[in-house]
Amino acid sequence: MKITRDGQTGAMYIAISEVDVARTVEIESINGHIFADVDDQGAVLGVEIICRTGSLDIEIPERITVEQPA
């Protein structure tokens, strides 16, 4: 699992697998948007979280890799 956070927008992507994405499904949320990338069988490969109120500022355990583009 790899987590990427965009420092400018506060968006976060949680990659579960690196298999080719068949489609992206939007999931409604009260405070933003959540998108799930799925494969041909409907298995979730990754999740993107976009928060309307700005930065998604949550604590991430040290054992999880976080990549933030410069």
PDB file of N, CA and C in Angstrom:
ATOM      1  N   MET A   1       0.854  -1.167   0.000  1.00  0.00           N
ATOM      2  CA  MET A   1       0.000   0.000   0.000  1.00  0.00           C
ATOM      3  C   MET A   1       0.899   1.229   0.000  1.00  0.00           C
ATOM      4  N   LYS A   2       0.486   2.229  -0.780  1.00  0.00           N
ATOM      5  CA  LYS A   2       1.237   3.476  -0.849  1.00  0.00           C
ATOM      6  C   LYS A   2       0.235   4.626  -0.783  1.00  0.00           C
ATOM      7  N   ILE A   3       0.555   5.647   0.008  1.00  0.00           N
ATOM      8  CA  ILE A   3      -0.303   6.818   0.125  1.00  0.00           C
ATOM      9  C   ILE A   3       0.434   8.012  -0.450  1.00  0.00           C
ATOM     10  N   THR A   4      -0.238   8.740  -1.335  1.00  0.00           N
ATOM     11  CA  THR A   4       0.319   9.953  -1.924  1.00  0.00           C
ATOM     12  C   THR A   4      -0.574  11.116  -1.516  1.00  0.00           C
ATOM     13  N   ARG A   5       0.027  12.187  -1.027  1.00  0.00           N
ATOM     14  CA  ARG A   5      -0.739  13.356  -0.624  1.00  0.00           C
ATOM     15  C   ARG A   5      -0.277  14.560  -1.429  1.00  0.00           C
ATOM     16  N   ASP A   6      -1.221  15.317  -1.966  1.00  0.00           N
ATOM     17  CA  ASP A   6      -0.922  16.542  -2.701  1.00  0.00           C
ATOM     18  C   ASP A   6      -0.922  17.691  -1.701  1.00  0.00           C
ATOM     19  N   GLY A   7       0.242  18.271  -1.453  1.00  0.00           N
ATOM     20  CA  GLY A   7       0.380  19.343  -0.473  1.00  0.00           C
ATOM     21  C   GLY A   7      -0.386  20.603  -0.808  1.00  0.00           C
ATOM     22  N   GLN A   8      -0.663  20.853  -2.086  1.00  0.00           N
ATOM     23  CA  GLN A   8      -1.379  22.064  -2.480  1.00  0.00           C
ATOM     24  C   GLN A   8      -2.886  21.924  -2.349  1.00  0.00           C
ATOM     25  N   THR A   9      -3.427  20.782  -2.748  1.00  0.00           N
ATOM     26  CA  THR A   9      -4.881  20.623  -2.732  1.00  0.00           C
ATOM     27  C   THR A   9      -5.382  19.865  -1.511  1.00  0.00           C
ATOM     28  N   GLY A  10      -4.507  19.143  -0.848  1.00  0.00           N
ATOM     29  CA  GLY A  10      -4.912  18.332   0.284  1.00  0.00           C
ATOM     30  C   GLY A  10      -5.497  16.988  -0.122  1.00  0.00           C
ATOM     31  N   ALA A  11      -5.546  16.708  -1.423  1.00  0.00           N
ATOM     32  CA  ALA A  11      -6.074  15.419  -1.892  1.00  0.00           C
ATOM     33  C   ALA A  11      -5.130  14.297  -1.483  1.00  0.00           C
ATOM     34  N   MET A  12      -5.699  13.117  -1.250  1.00  0.00           N
ATOM     35  CA  MET A  12      -4.908  11.956  -0.863  1.00  0.00           C
ATOM     36  C   MET A  12      -5.318  10.759  -1.718  1.00  0.00           C
ATOM     37  N   TYR A  13      -4.311   9.997  -2.177  1.00  0.00           N
ATOM     38  CA  TYR A  13      -4.586   8.782  -2.943  1.00  0.00           C
ATOM     39  C   TYR A  13      -3.973   7.608  -2.201  1.00  0.00           C
ATOM     40  N   ILE A  14      -4.778   6.581  -1.963  1.00  0.00           N
ATOM     41  CA  ILE A  14      -4.319   5.370  -1.296  1.00  0.00           C
ATOM     42  C   ILE A  14      -4.301   4.264  -2.346  1.00  0.00           C
ATOM     43  N   ALA A  15      -3.098   3.859  -2.755  1.00  0.00           N
ATOM     44  CA  ALA A  15      -2.945   2.806  -3.755  1.00  0.00           C
ATOM     45  C   ALA A  15      -2.846   1.467  -3.046  1.00  0.00           C
ATOM     46  N   ILE A  16      -3.746   0.569  -3.389  1.00  0.00           N
ATOM     47  CA  ILE A  16      -3.784  -0.753  -2.778  1.00  0.00           C
ATOM     48  C   ILE A  16      -3.074  -1.766  -3.672  1.00  0.00           C
ATOM     49  N   SER A  17      -3.205  -1.595  -4.976  1.00  0.00           N
ATOM     50  CA  SER A  17      -2.604  -2.510  -5.943  1.00  0.00           C
ATOM     51  C   SER A  17      -2.191  -1.718  -7.175  1.00  0.00           C
ATOM     52  N   GLU A  18      -1.237  -2.258  -7.933  1.00  0.00           N
ATOM     53  CA  GLU A  18      -0.774  -1.577  -9.137  1.00  0.00           C
ATOM     54  C   GLU A  18      -1.301  -2.234 -10.405  1.00  0.00           C
ATOM     55  N   VAL A  19      -2.398  -2.971 -10.286  1.00  0.00           N
ATOM     56  CA  VAL A  19      -3.056  -3.596 -11.429  1.00  0.00           C
ATOM     57  C   VAL A  19      -3.714  -2.494 -12.261  1.00  0.00           C
ATOM     58  N   ASP A  20      -3.867  -2.730 -13.569  1.00  0.00           N
ATOM     59  CA  ASP A  20      -4.497  -1.728 -14.433  1.00  0.00           C
ATOM     60  C   ASP A  20      -5.925  -1.424 -13.984  1.00  0.00           C
ATOM     61  N   VAL A  21      -6.253  -0.142 -13.967  1.00  0.00           N
ATOM     62  CA  VAL A  21      -7.586   0.317 -13.555  1.00  0.00           C
ATOM     63  C   VAL A  21      -8.555   0.155 -14.721  1.00  0.00           C
ATOM     64  N   ALA A  22      -9.704  -0.481 -14.477  1.00  0.00           N
ATOM     65  CA  ALA A  22     -10.734  -0.659 -15.503  1.00  0.00           C
ATOM     66  C   ALA A  22     -11.675   0.545 -15.527  1.00  0.00           C
ATOM     67  N   ARG A  23     -11.997   1.055 -14.329  1.00  0.00           N
ATOM     68  CA  ARG A  23     -12.878   2.226 -14.255  1.00  0.00           C
ATOM     69  C   ARG A  23     -12.733   2.888 -12.893  1.00  0.00           C
ATOM     70  N   THR A  24     -13.214   4.114 -12.809  1.00  0.00           N
ATOM     71  CA  THR A  24     -13.215   4.867 -11.564  1.00  0.00           C
ATOM     72  C   THR A  24     -14.659   5.148 -11.186  1.00  0.00           C
ATOM     73  N   VAL A  25     -14.988   4.881  -9.930  1.00  0.00           N
ATOM     74  CA  VAL A  25     -16.346   5.052  -9.432  1.00  0.00           C
ATOM     75  C   VAL A  25     -16.344   6.195  -8.425  1.00  0.00           C
ATOM     76  N   GLU A  26     -17.244   7.176  -8.605  1.00  0.00           N
ATOM     77  CA  GLU A  26     -17.343   8.278  -7.652  1.00  0.00           C
ATOM     78  C   GLU A  26     -18.300   7.884  -6.534  1.00  0.00           C
ATOM     79  N   ILE A  27     -17.868   8.139  -5.314  1.00  0.00           N
ATOM     80  CA  ILE A  27     -18.678   7.850  -4.137  1.00  0.00           C
ATOM     81  C   ILE A  27     -19.027   9.181  -3.488  1.00  0.00           C
ATOM     82  N   GLU A  28     -20.308   9.429  -3.266  1.00  0.00           N
ATOM     83  CA  GLU A  28     -20.735  10.686  -2.654  1.00  0.00           C
ATOM     84  C   GLU A  28     -20.246  10.795  -1.216  1.00  0.00           C
ATOM     85  N   SER A  29     -19.960  12.015  -0.813  1.00  0.00           N
ATOM     86  CA  SER A  29     -19.506  12.291   0.537  1.00  0.00           C
ATOM     87  C   SER A  29     -20.034  13.650   0.956  1.00  0.00           C
ATOM     88  N   ILE A  30     -20.235  13.860   2.232  1.00  0.00           N
ATOM     89  CA  ILE A  30     -20.768  15.128   2.728  1.00  0.00           C
ATOM     90  C   ILE A  30     -19.748  16.256   2.596  1.00  0.00           C
ATOM     91  N   ASN A  31     -18.491  15.992   2.920  1.00  0.00           N
ATOM     92  CA  ASN A  31     -17.476  17.046   2.948  1.00  0.00           C
ATOM     93  C   ASN A  31     -16.473  16.990   1.803  1.00  0.00           C
ATOM     94  N   GLY A  32     -16.772  16.314   0.729  1.00  0.00           N
ATOM     95  CA  GLY A  32     -15.845  16.227  -0.385  1.00  0.00           C
ATOM     96  C   GLY A  32     -16.250  15.126  -1.337  1.00  0.00           C
ATOM     97  N   HIS A  33     -15.269  14.558  -1.998  1.00  0.00           N
ATOM     98  CA  HIS A  33     -15.525  13.484  -2.951  1.00  0.00           C
ATOM     99  C   HIS A  33     -14.566  12.336  -2.683  1.00  0.00           C
ATOM    100  N   ILE A  34     -15.037  11.143  -2.938  1.00  0.00           N
ATOM    101  CA  ILE A  34     -14.211   9.953  -2.832  1.00  0.00           C
ATOM    102  C   ILE A  34     -14.365   9.186  -4.139  1.00  0.00           C
ATOM    103  N   PHE A  35     -13.234   8.824  -4.735  1.00  0.00           N
ATOM    104  CA  PHE A  35     -13.221   8.071  -5.986  1.00  0.00           C
ATOM    105  C   PHE A  35     -12.513   6.747  -5.733  1.00  0.00           C
ATOM    106  N   ALA A  36     -13.088   5.656  -6.219  1.00  0.00           N
ATOM    107  CA  ALA A  36     -12.469   4.336  -6.088  1.00  0.00           C
ATOM    108  C   ALA A  36     -12.103   3.833  -7.475  1.00  0.00           C
ATOM    109  N   ASP A  37     -10.838   3.471  -7.660  1.00  0.00           N
ATOM    110  CA  ASP A  37     -10.383   2.829  -8.890  1.00  0.00           C
ATOM    111  C   ASP A  37     -10.587   1.336  -8.715  1.00  0.00           C
ATOM    112  N   VAL A  38     -11.215   0.682  -9.701  1.00  0.00           N
ATOM    113  CA  VAL A  38     -11.500  -0.750  -9.602  1.00  0.00           C
ATOM    114  C   VAL A  38     -11.009  -1.480 -10.852  1.00  0.00           C
ATOM    115  N   ASP A  39     -10.797  -2.795 -10.703  1.00  0.00           N
ATOM    116  CA  ASP A  39     -10.384  -3.606 -11.843  1.00  0.00           C
ATOM    117  C   ASP A  39     -11.614  -4.189 -12.543  1.00  0.00           C
ATOM    118  N   ASP A  40     -11.395  -5.081 -13.514  1.00  0.00           N
ATOM    119  CA  ASP A  40     -12.493  -5.682 -14.271  1.00  0.00           C
ATOM    120  C   ASP A  40     -13.466  -6.485 -13.407  1.00  0.00           C
ATOM    121  N   GLN A  41     -12.988  -6.997 -12.289  1.00  0.00           N
ATOM    122  CA  GLN A  41     -13.815  -7.806 -11.399  1.00  0.00           C
ATOM    123  C   GLN A  41     -14.507  -6.962 -10.317  1.00  0.00           C
ATOM    124  N   GLY A  42     -14.208  -5.659 -10.279  1.00  0.00           N
ATOM    125  CA  GLY A  42     -14.815  -4.778  -9.277  1.00  0.00           C
ATOM    126  C   GLY A  42     -14.017  -4.653  -7.995  1.00  0.00           C
ATOM    127  N   ALA A  43     -12.819  -5.249  -7.955  1.00  0.00           N
ATOM    128  CA  ALA A  43     -11.967  -5.136  -6.766  1.00  0.00           C
ATOM    129  C   ALA A  43     -11.355  -3.734  -6.708  1.00  0.00           C
ATOM    130  N   VAL A  44     -11.321  -3.157  -5.523  1.00  0.00           N
ATOM    131  CA  VAL A  44     -10.777  -1.808  -5.339  1.00  0.00           C
ATOM    132  C   VAL A  44      -9.254  -1.865  -5.425  1.00  0.00           C
ATOM    133  N   LEU A  45      -8.701  -0.985  -6.267  1.00  0.00           N
ATOM    134  CA  LEU A  45      -7.255  -0.900  -6.468  1.00  0.00           C
ATOM    135  C   LEU A  45      -6.657   0.322  -5.790  1.00  0.00           C
ATOM    136  N   GLY A  46      -7.490   1.334  -5.603  1.00  0.00           N
ATOM    137  CA  GLY A  46      -7.023   2.565  -4.987  1.00  0.00           C
ATOM    138  C   GLY A  46      -8.194   3.482  -4.697  1.00  0.00           C
ATOM    139  N   VAL A  47      -7.969   4.426  -3.774  1.00  0.00           N
ATOM    140  CA  VAL A  47      -9.012   5.355  -3.372  1.00  0.00           C
ATOM    141  C   VAL A  47      -8.425   6.758  -3.335  1.00  0.00           C
ATOM    142  N   GLU A  48      -9.129   7.721  -3.940  1.00  0.00           N
ATOM    143  CA  GLU A  48      -8.731   9.126  -3.880  1.00  0.00           C
ATOM    144  C   GLU A  48      -9.752   9.874  -3.036  1.00  0.00           C
ATOM    145  N   ILE A  49      -9.252  10.687  -2.103  1.00  0.00           N
ATOM    146  CA  ILE A  49     -10.109  11.474  -1.224  1.00  0.00           C
ATOM    147  C   ILE A  49      -9.813  12.940  -1.470  1.00  0.00           C
ATOM    148  N   ILE A  50     -10.856  13.691  -1.816  1.00  0.00           N
ATOM    149  CA  ILE A  50     -10.720  15.128  -2.048  1.00  0.00           C
ATOM    150  C   ILE A  50     -11.665  15.830  -1.084  1.00  0.00           C
ATOM    151  N   CYS A  51     -11.104  16.648  -0.216  1.00  0.00           N
ATOM    152  CA  CYS A  51     -11.884  17.312   0.824  1.00  0.00           C
ATOM    153  C   CYS A  51     -12.249  18.727   0.380  1.00  0.00           C
ATOM    154  N   ARG A  52     -13.526  19.091   0.447  1.00  0.00           N
ATOM    155  CA  ARG A  52     -13.981  20.428   0.051  1.00  0.00           C
ATOM    156  C   ARG A  52     -13.428  21.538   0.931  1.00  0.00           C
ATOM    157  N   THR A  53     -13.208  21.233   2.196  1.00  0.00           N
ATOM    158  CA  THR A  53     -12.813  22.275   3.145  1.00  0.00           C
ATOM    159  C   THR A  53     -11.327  22.575   3.133  1.00  0.00           C
ATOM    160  N   GLY A  54     -10.583  22.029   2.191  1.00  0.00           N
ATOM    161  CA  GLY A  54      -9.154  22.293   2.109  1.00  0.00           C
ATOM    162  C   GLY A  54      -8.349  21.054   2.406  1.00  0.00           C
ATOM    163  N   SER A  55      -7.246  21.236   3.085  1.00  0.00           N
ATOM    164  CA  SER A  55      -6.309  20.158   3.347  1.00  0.00           C
ATOM    165  C   SER A  55      -6.916  19.029   4.170  1.00  0.00           C
ATOM    166  N   LEU A  56      -6.635  17.828   3.750  1.00  0.00           N
ATOM    167  CA  LEU A  56      -7.035  16.636   4.485  1.00  0.00           C
ATOM    168  C   LEU A  56      -5.892  16.334   5.444  1.00  0.00           C
ATOM    169  N   ASP A  57      -5.983  16.860   6.659  1.00  0.00           N
ATOM    170  CA  ASP A  57      -4.890  16.798   7.613  1.00  0.00           C
ATOM    171  C   ASP A  57      -5.165  15.717   8.645  1.00  0.00           C
ATOM    172  N   ILE A  58      -4.664  14.498   8.364  1.00  0.00           N
ATOM    173  CA  ILE A  58      -4.848  13.389   9.293  1.00  0.00           C
ATOM    174  C   ILE A  58      -3.500  12.767   9.604  1.00  0.00           C
ATOM    175  N   GLU A  59      -3.411  12.118  10.731  1.00  0.00           N
ATOM    176  CA  GLU A  59      -2.191  11.425  11.118  1.00  0.00           C
ATOM    177  C   GLU A  59      -2.083  10.115  10.350  1.00  0.00           C
ATOM    178  N   ILE A  60      -0.887   9.815   9.860  1.00  0.00           N
ATOM    179  CA  ILE A  60      -0.638   8.579   9.120  1.00  0.00           C
ATOM    180  C   ILE A  60       0.422   7.787   9.880  1.00  0.00           C
ATOM    181  N   PRO A  61       0.157   6.527  10.200  1.00  0.00           N
ATOM    182  CA  PRO A  61       1.146   5.716  10.933  1.00  0.00           C
ATOM    183  C   PRO A  61       2.483   5.686  10.197  1.00  0.00           C
ATOM    184  N   GLU A  62       3.576   5.655  10.954  1.00  0.00           N
ATOM    185  CA  GLU A  62       4.918   5.698  10.373  1.00  0.00           C
ATOM    186  C   GLU A  62       5.220   4.529   9.448  1.00  0.00           C
ATOM    187  N   ARG A  63       4.598   3.376   9.660  1.00  0.00           N
ATOM    188  CA  ARG A  63       4.921   2.204   8.841  1.00  0.00           C
ATOM    189  C   ARG A  63       4.339   2.284   7.432  1.00  0.00           C
ATOM    190  N   ILE A  64       3.519   3.287   7.161  1.00  0.00           N
ATOM    191  CA  ILE A  64       2.939   3.475   5.834  1.00  0.00           C
ATOM    192  C   ILE A  64       3.750   4.523   5.088  1.00  0.00           C
ATOM    193  N   THR A  65       4.108   4.232   3.859  1.00  0.00           N
ATOM    194  CA  THR A  65       4.878   5.158   3.046  1.00  0.00           C
ATOM    195  C   THR A  65       3.978   6.266   2.516  1.00  0.00           C
ATOM    196  N   VAL A  66       4.403   7.519   2.686  1.00  0.00           N
ATOM    197  CA  VAL A  66       3.662   8.663   2.175  1.00  0.00           C
ATOM    198  C   VAL A  66       4.564   9.393   1.191  1.00  0.00           C
ATOM    199  N   GLU A  67       4.067   9.599  -0.016  1.00  0.00           N
ATOM    200  CA  GLU A  67       4.829  10.331  -1.014  1.00  0.00           C
ATOM    201  C   GLU A  67       4.140  11.639  -1.305  1.00  0.00           C
ATOM    202  N   GLN A  68       4.894  12.741  -1.227  1.00  0.00           N
ATOM    203  CA  GLN A  68       4.338  14.049  -1.521  1.00  0.00           C
ATOM    204  C   GLN A  68       5.214  14.682  -2.611  1.00  0.00           C
ATOM    205  N   PRO A  69       4.604  14.973  -3.777  1.00  0.00           N
ATOM    206  CA  PRO A  69       5.381  15.622  -4.832  1.00  0.00           C
ATOM    207  C   PRO A  69       5.897  16.982  -4.364  1.00  0.00           C
ATOM    208  N   ALA A  70       7.080  17.337  -4.795  1.00  0.00           N
ATOM    209  CA  ALA A  70       7.682  18.617  -4.385  1.00  0.00           C
ATOM    210  C   ALA A  70       7.005  19.791  -5.034  1.00  0.00           C
TER     211      ALA A  70
END
